[in-house]
Amino acid sequence: MTAKTLEQARNAMDKAVEAVHREFNTVRTGKATPALLDTVRVEAYGSSMPLNQVANVSAPEPSLLVVQPYDQNIAGAIAQAIQSGDLGLNPSVDGAIIRVPVPPLSEERRKEMVKVLHRMAEEGRISVRHIRQETRNELQRKQREGEAGEDEIHRRLEELQEITDRHVAKIDALLEKREAEVMEV
């Protein structure tokens, strides 16, 4: 029974690490990647929609993103949404296609992006620790209710800490890799 609790915690922590990885992909580096526009929301059809639901985003060159709307009528709204995002991008509408040049980052902007990455990583670590705390409470409840013995709970708590440490290390490794990409000139 306690093994199942740990497995649930491991799965939840895996999802937290995955979420951090997805968030890291939205942070701009010097190279153009379609994930850069994942946070952009477009006002279309009376509601706010993610860009990837109203257009196809590709990166044909390292310094250019091309956005092809599924409906040509919302190209202007897409360009406006990209420009109003805090990504520092200036799109241009070319008929049915929106070209988004990705300029190289200044040293100051790179440092700002690194701060954003550190904040995202810390949020991920907090999420993992929160899962650890919930699991610890659950294991201690099982001990109080007599579902598991003290020795077993002690072993499970040590195992839980090891799982937590591994997931925090994964987040730190992702941060280090992404920080190097951002600082690369």
C-alpha atoms as a PDB file:
ATOM      1  CA  MET A   1       0.000   0.000   0.000  1.00  0.00           C
ATOM      2  CA  THR A   2       2.794   2.439   0.847  1.00  0.00           C
ATOM      3  CA  ALA A   3       4.631   1.473  -2.362  1.00  0.00           C
ATOM      4  CA  LYS A   4       1.603   2.679  -4.327  1.00  0.00           C
ATOM      5  CA  THR A   5       1.717   6.012  -2.468  1.00  0.00           C
ATOM      6  CA  LEU A   6       5.386   6.423  -3.432  1.00  0.00           C
ATOM      7  CA  GLU A   7       4.665   5.517  -7.054  1.00  0.00           C
ATOM      8  CA  GLN A   8       1.952   8.193  -7.171  1.00  0.00           C
ATOM      9  CA  ALA A   9       4.419  10.719  -5.736  1.00  0.00           C
ATOM     10  CA  ARG A  10       7.055   9.717  -8.313  1.00  0.00           C
ATOM     11  CA  ASN A  11       4.550  10.157 -11.157  1.00  0.00           C
ATOM     12  CA  ALA A  12       3.440  13.560  -9.840  1.00  0.00           C
ATOM     13  CA  MET A  13       7.075  14.682  -9.545  1.00  0.00           C
ATOM     14  CA  ASP A  14       7.776  13.458 -13.089  1.00  0.00           C
ATOM     15  CA  LYS A  15       4.898  15.641 -14.280  1.00  0.00           C
ATOM     16  CA  ALA A  16       6.285  18.618 -12.359  1.00  0.00           C
ATOM     17  CA  VAL A  17       9.700  18.183 -14.014  1.00  0.00           C
ATOM     18  CA  GLU A  18       8.003  17.864 -17.403  1.00  0.00           C
ATOM     19  CA  ALA A  19       6.055  21.083 -16.762  1.00  0.00           C
ATOM     20  CA  VAL A  20       9.296  22.914 -15.942  1.00  0.00           C
ATOM     21  CA  HIS A  21      10.820  21.580 -19.165  1.00  0.00           C
ATOM     22  CA  ARG A  22       7.832  22.843 -21.184  1.00  0.00           C
ATOM     23  CA  GLU A  23       8.056  26.246 -19.494  1.00  0.00           C
ATOM     24  CA  PHE A  24      11.783  26.445 -20.230  1.00  0.00           C
ATOM     25  CA  ASN A  25      11.020  25.927 -23.914  1.00  0.00           C
ATOM     26  CA  THR A  26       8.958  29.119 -23.945  1.00  0.00           C
ATOM     27  CA  VAL A  27      11.954  31.201 -22.849  1.00  0.00           C
ATOM     28  CA  ARG A  28      13.678  32.851 -25.754  1.00  0.00           C
ATOM     29  CA  THR A  29      17.216  31.932 -26.697  1.00  0.00           C
ATOM     30  CA  GLY A  30      19.130  33.257 -29.692  1.00  0.00           C
ATOM     31  CA  LYS A  31      17.561  30.571 -31.900  1.00  0.00           C
ATOM     32  CA  ALA A  32      14.033  30.501 -33.258  1.00  0.00           C
ATOM     33  CA  THR A  33      11.930  27.566 -32.028  1.00  0.00           C
ATOM     34  CA  PRO A  34       8.170  27.105 -32.458  1.00  0.00           C
ATOM     35  CA  ALA A  35       7.874  26.545 -28.677  1.00  0.00           C
ATOM     36  CA  LEU A  36       8.841  30.198 -28.252  1.00  0.00           C
ATOM     37  CA  LEU A  37       5.270  31.171 -29.153  1.00  0.00           C
ATOM     38  CA  ASP A  38       3.537  28.570 -26.944  1.00  0.00           C
ATOM     39  CA  THR A  39       2.485  31.195 -24.404  1.00  0.00           C
ATOM     40  CA  VAL A  40       0.924  33.514 -27.010  1.00  0.00           C
ATOM     41  CA  ARG A  41      -2.864  33.696 -26.819  1.00  0.00           C
ATOM     42  CA  VAL A  42      -4.885  35.087 -29.732  1.00  0.00           C
ATOM     43  CA  GLU A  43      -8.255  36.815 -29.554  1.00  0.00           C
ATOM     44  CA  ALA A  44     -10.171  34.888 -32.197  1.00  0.00           C
ATOM     45  CA  TYR A  45     -13.759  33.781 -32.656  1.00  0.00           C
ATOM     46  CA  GLY A  46     -14.881  35.599 -29.527  1.00  0.00           C
ATOM     47  CA  SER A  47     -12.407  34.011 -27.115  1.00  0.00           C
ATOM     48  CA  SER A  48      -8.741  33.874 -26.190  1.00  0.00           C
ATOM     49  CA  MET A  49      -7.099  30.823 -27.773  1.00  0.00           C
ATOM     50  CA  PRO A  50      -3.561  29.412 -27.749  1.00  0.00           C
ATOM     51  CA  LEU A  51      -1.679  30.264 -30.935  1.00  0.00           C
ATOM     52  CA  ASN A  52      -1.080  26.588 -31.770  1.00  0.00           C
ATOM     53  CA  GLN A  53      -4.866  26.080 -32.059  1.00  0.00           C
ATOM     54  CA  VAL A  54      -5.324  28.761 -34.711  1.00  0.00           C
ATOM     55  CA  ALA A  55      -2.070  28.514 -36.671  1.00  0.00           C
ATOM     56  CA  ASN A  56       0.886  26.352 -37.597  1.00  0.00           C
ATOM     57  CA  VAL A  57       4.259  27.600 -36.354  1.00  0.00           C
ATOM     58  CA  SER A  58       7.535  26.557 -37.972  1.00  0.00           C
ATOM     59  CA  ALA A  59      11.176  27.640 -37.847  1.00  0.00           C
ATOM     60  CA  PRO A  60      12.612  27.394 -41.372  1.00  0.00           C
ATOM     61  CA  GLU A  61      15.741  29.328 -40.340  1.00  0.00           C
ATOM     62  CA  PRO A  62      17.562  29.781 -37.015  1.00  0.00           C
ATOM     63  CA  SER A  63      16.501  33.430 -36.871  1.00  0.00           C
ATOM     64  CA  LEU A  64      12.962  33.249 -38.325  1.00  0.00           C
ATOM     65  CA  LEU A  65       9.599  31.862 -37.277  1.00  0.00           C
ATOM     66  CA  VAL A  66       6.809  31.465 -39.811  1.00  0.00           C
ATOM     67  CA  VAL A  67       3.209  31.411 -38.618  1.00  0.00           C
ATOM     68  CA  GLN A  68       0.553  30.138 -41.026  1.00  0.00           C
ATOM     69  CA  PRO A  69      -2.974  30.813 -39.740  1.00  0.00           C
ATOM     70  CA  TYR A  70      -5.600  28.182 -40.458  1.00  0.00           C
ATOM     71  CA  ASP A  71      -7.943  31.098 -41.236  1.00  0.00           C
ATOM     72  CA  GLN A  72      -6.426  34.057 -43.139  1.00  0.00           C
ATOM     73  CA  ASN A  73      -8.928  36.444 -41.542  1.00  0.00           C
ATOM     74  CA  ILE A  74      -7.201  36.277 -38.158  1.00  0.00           C
ATOM     75  CA  ALA A  75      -3.651  36.936 -39.386  1.00  0.00           C
ATOM     76  CA  GLY A  76      -3.795  40.502 -38.040  1.00  0.00           C
ATOM     77  CA  ALA A  77      -4.998  39.326 -34.623  1.00  0.00           C
ATOM     78  CA  ILE A  78      -2.174  36.765 -34.492  1.00  0.00           C
ATOM     79  CA  ALA A  79       0.453  39.384 -35.383  1.00  0.00           C
ATOM     80  CA  GLN A  80      -0.958  41.718 -32.726  1.00  0.00           C
ATOM     81  CA  ALA A  81      -0.903  38.946 -30.095  1.00  0.00           C
ATOM     82  CA  ILE A  82       2.732  38.108 -30.883  1.00  0.00           C
ATOM     83  CA  GLN A  83       3.738  41.754 -30.733  1.00  0.00           C
ATOM     84  CA  SER A  84       1.897  42.445 -27.468  1.00  0.00           C
ATOM     85  CA  GLY A  85       3.517  39.411 -25.825  1.00  0.00           C
ATOM     86  CA  ASP A  86       6.611  40.221 -23.764  1.00  0.00           C
ATOM     87  CA  LEU A  87       8.903  38.281 -26.084  1.00  0.00           C
ATOM     88  CA  GLY A  88      10.365  41.326 -27.809  1.00  0.00           C
ATOM     89  CA  LEU A  89       9.306  40.089 -31.261  1.00  0.00           C
ATOM     90  CA  ASN A  90       8.083  42.226 -34.169  1.00  0.00           C
ATOM     91  CA  PRO A  91       5.987  40.168 -36.635  1.00  0.00           C
ATOM     92  CA  SER A  92       5.135  41.225 -40.179  1.00  0.00           C
ATOM     93  CA  VAL A  93       2.059  40.027 -42.065  1.00  0.00           C
ATOM     94  CA  ASP A  94       2.834  38.911 -45.600  1.00  0.00           C
ATOM     95  CA  GLY A  95      -0.497  37.894 -47.125  1.00  0.00           C
ATOM     96  CA  ALA A  96      -1.552  34.683 -45.403  1.00  0.00           C
ATOM     97  CA  ILE A  97       1.805  34.200 -43.686  1.00  0.00           C
ATOM     98  CA  ILE A  98       3.215  35.970 -40.649  1.00  0.00           C
ATOM     99  CA  ARG A  99       6.992  36.233 -40.520  1.00  0.00           C
ATOM    100  CA  VAL A 100       8.548  36.675 -37.097  1.00  0.00           C
ATOM    101  CA  PRO A 101      12.252  37.559 -37.198  1.00  0.00           C
ATOM    102  CA  VAL A 102      14.038  36.531 -33.999  1.00  0.00           C
ATOM    103  CA  PRO A 103      16.765  39.093 -33.347  1.00  0.00           C
ATOM    104  CA  PRO A 104      19.829  38.119 -31.345  1.00  0.00           C
ATOM    105  CA  LEU A 105      19.500  38.832 -27.636  1.00  0.00           C
ATOM    106  CA  SER A 106      21.477  41.612 -26.000  1.00  0.00           C
ATOM    107  CA  GLU A 107      23.605  40.720 -22.976  1.00  0.00           C
ATOM    108  CA  GLU A 108      21.138  42.514 -20.695  1.00  0.00           C
ATOM    109  CA  ARG A 109      18.161  40.625 -22.158  1.00  0.00           C
ATOM    110  CA  ARG A 110      20.033  37.312 -21.795  1.00  0.00           C
ATOM    111  CA  LYS A 111      20.547  38.014 -18.103  1.00  0.00           C
ATOM    112  CA  GLU A 112      16.826  38.826 -17.732  1.00  0.00           C
ATOM    113  CA  MET A 113      15.967  35.523 -19.412  1.00  0.00           C
ATOM    114  CA  VAL A 114      18.282  33.660 -17.030  1.00  0.00           C
ATOM    115  CA  LYS A 115      16.451  35.253 -14.080  1.00  0.00           C
ATOM    116  CA  VAL A 116      13.154  34.067 -15.571  1.00  0.00           C
ATOM    117  CA  LEU A 117      14.602  30.558 -15.923  1.00  0.00           C
ATOM    118  CA  HIS A 118      15.741  30.564 -12.297  1.00  0.00           C
ATOM    119  CA  ARG A 119      12.268  31.640 -11.160  1.00  0.00           C
ATOM    120  CA  MET A 120      10.652  28.860 -13.217  1.00  0.00           C
ATOM    121  CA  ALA A 121      13.108  26.307 -11.809  1.00  0.00           C
ATOM    122  CA  GLU A 122      12.379  27.410  -8.245  1.00  0.00           C
ATOM    123  CA  GLU A 123       8.636  27.080  -8.874  1.00  0.00           C
ATOM    124  CA  GLY A 124       9.311  23.534 -10.112  1.00  0.00           C
ATOM    125  CA  ARG A 125      11.392  22.701  -7.024  1.00  0.00           C
ATOM    126  CA  ILE A 126       8.626  24.062  -4.793  1.00  0.00           C
ATOM    127  CA  SER A 127       6.111  21.907  -6.632  1.00  0.00           C
ATOM    128  CA  VAL A 128       8.259  18.793  -6.110  1.00  0.00           C
ATOM    129  CA  ARG A 129       8.708  19.608  -2.405  1.00  0.00           C
ATOM    130  CA  HIS A 130       4.971  20.166  -2.050  1.00  0.00           C
ATOM    131  CA  ILE A 131       4.339  16.698  -3.488  1.00  0.00           C
ATOM    132  CA  ARG A 132       6.926  15.314  -1.025  1.00  0.00           C
ATOM    133  CA  GLN A 133       5.112  16.981   1.893  1.00  0.00           C
ATOM    134  CA  GLU A 134       1.708  15.650   0.826  1.00  0.00           C
ATOM    135  CA  THR A 135       3.141  12.146   0.439  1.00  0.00           C
ATOM    136  CA  ARG A 136       4.908  12.381   3.815  1.00  0.00           C
ATOM    137  CA  ASN A 137       1.598  13.377   5.455  1.00  0.00           C
ATOM    138  CA  GLU A 138      -0.155  10.465   3.739  1.00  0.00           C
ATOM    139  CA  LEU A 139       2.485   7.963   4.919  1.00  0.00           C
ATOM    140  CA  GLN A 140       2.330   9.287   8.478  1.00  0.00           C
ATOM    141  CA  ARG A 141      -1.473   9.020   8.398  1.00  0.00           C
ATOM    142  CA  LYS A 142      -1.155   5.369   7.356  1.00  0.00           C
ATOM    143  CA  GLN A 143       1.187   4.775  10.279  1.00  0.00           C
ATOM    144  CA  ARG A 144      -1.210   6.431  12.757  1.00  0.00           C
ATOM    145  CA  GLU A 145      -4.116   4.357  11.466  1.00  0.00           C
ATOM    146  CA  GLY A 146      -2.113   1.156  11.737  1.00  0.00           C
ATOM    147  CA  GLU A 147      -2.015   0.437   7.984  1.00  0.00           C
ATOM    148  CA  ALA A 148       1.795   0.261   8.050  1.00  0.00           C
ATOM    149  CA  GLY A 149       4.496  -0.261  10.645  1.00  0.00           C
ATOM    150  CA  GLU A 150       6.948   2.337  11.914  1.00  0.00           C
ATOM    151  CA  ASP A 151       9.983   0.666  10.272  1.00  0.00           C
ATOM    152  CA  GLU A 152       8.271   0.448   6.894  1.00  0.00           C
ATOM    153  CA  ILE A 153       7.185   4.096   7.052  1.00  0.00           C
ATOM    154  CA  HIS A 154      10.714   5.140   8.010  1.00  0.00           C
ATOM    155  CA  ARG A 155      12.127   3.272   4.977  1.00  0.00           C
ATOM    156  CA  ARG A 156       9.459   4.768   2.709  1.00  0.00           C
ATOM    157  CA  LEU A 157      10.208   8.274   3.964  1.00  0.00           C
ATOM    158  CA  GLU A 158      13.909   7.789   3.176  1.00  0.00           C
ATOM    159  CA  GLU A 159      12.970   6.492  -0.274  1.00  0.00           C
ATOM    160  CA  LEU A 160      10.660   9.494  -0.741  1.00  0.00           C
ATOM    161  CA  GLN A 161      13.535  11.854   0.063  1.00  0.00           C
ATOM    162  CA  GLU A 162      15.755  10.089  -2.505  1.00  0.00           C
ATOM    163  CA  ILE A 163      13.023  10.407  -5.142  1.00  0.00           C
ATOM    164  CA  THR A 164      12.643  14.107  -4.272  1.00  0.00           C
ATOM    165  CA  ASP A 165      16.397  14.701  -4.492  1.00  0.00           C
ATOM    166  CA  ARG A 166      16.557  13.010  -7.926  1.00  0.00           C
ATOM    167  CA  HIS A 167      13.729  15.156  -9.284  1.00  0.00           C
ATOM    168  CA  VAL A 168      15.222  18.386  -7.923  1.00  0.00           C
ATOM    169  CA  ALA A 169      18.535  17.360  -9.535  1.00  0.00           C
ATOM    170  CA  LYS A 170      16.712  16.841 -12.859  1.00  0.00           C
ATOM    171  CA  ILE A 171      15.276  20.361 -12.628  1.00  0.00           C
ATOM    172  CA  ASP A 172      18.730  21.746 -11.804  1.00  0.00           C
ATOM    173  CA  ALA A 173      20.239  19.910 -14.805  1.00  0.00           C
ATOM    174  CA  LEU A 174      17.504  21.280 -17.105  1.00  0.00           C
ATOM    175  CA  LEU A 175      18.152  24.773 -15.728  1.00  0.00           C
ATOM    176  CA  GLU A 176      21.897  24.498 -16.281  1.00  0.00           C
ATOM    177  CA  LYS A 177      21.437  23.305 -19.869  1.00  0.00           C
ATOM    178  CA  ARG A 178      18.851  25.945 -20.728  1.00  0.00           C
ATOM    179  CA  GLU A 179      20.875  28.707 -19.051  1.00  0.00           C
ATOM    180  CA  ALA A 180      23.880  27.760 -21.210  1.00  0.00           C
ATOM    181  CA  GLU A 181      21.682  27.940 -24.332  1.00  0.00           C
ATOM    182  CA  VAL A 182      20.397  31.393 -23.382  1.00  0.00           C
ATOM    183  CA  MET A 183      23.848  32.788 -22.589  1.00  0.00           C
ATOM    184  CA  GLU A 184      25.362  31.360 -25.809  1.00  0.00           C
ATOM    185  CA  VAL A 185      26.145  34.152 -28.251  1.00  0.00           C
END
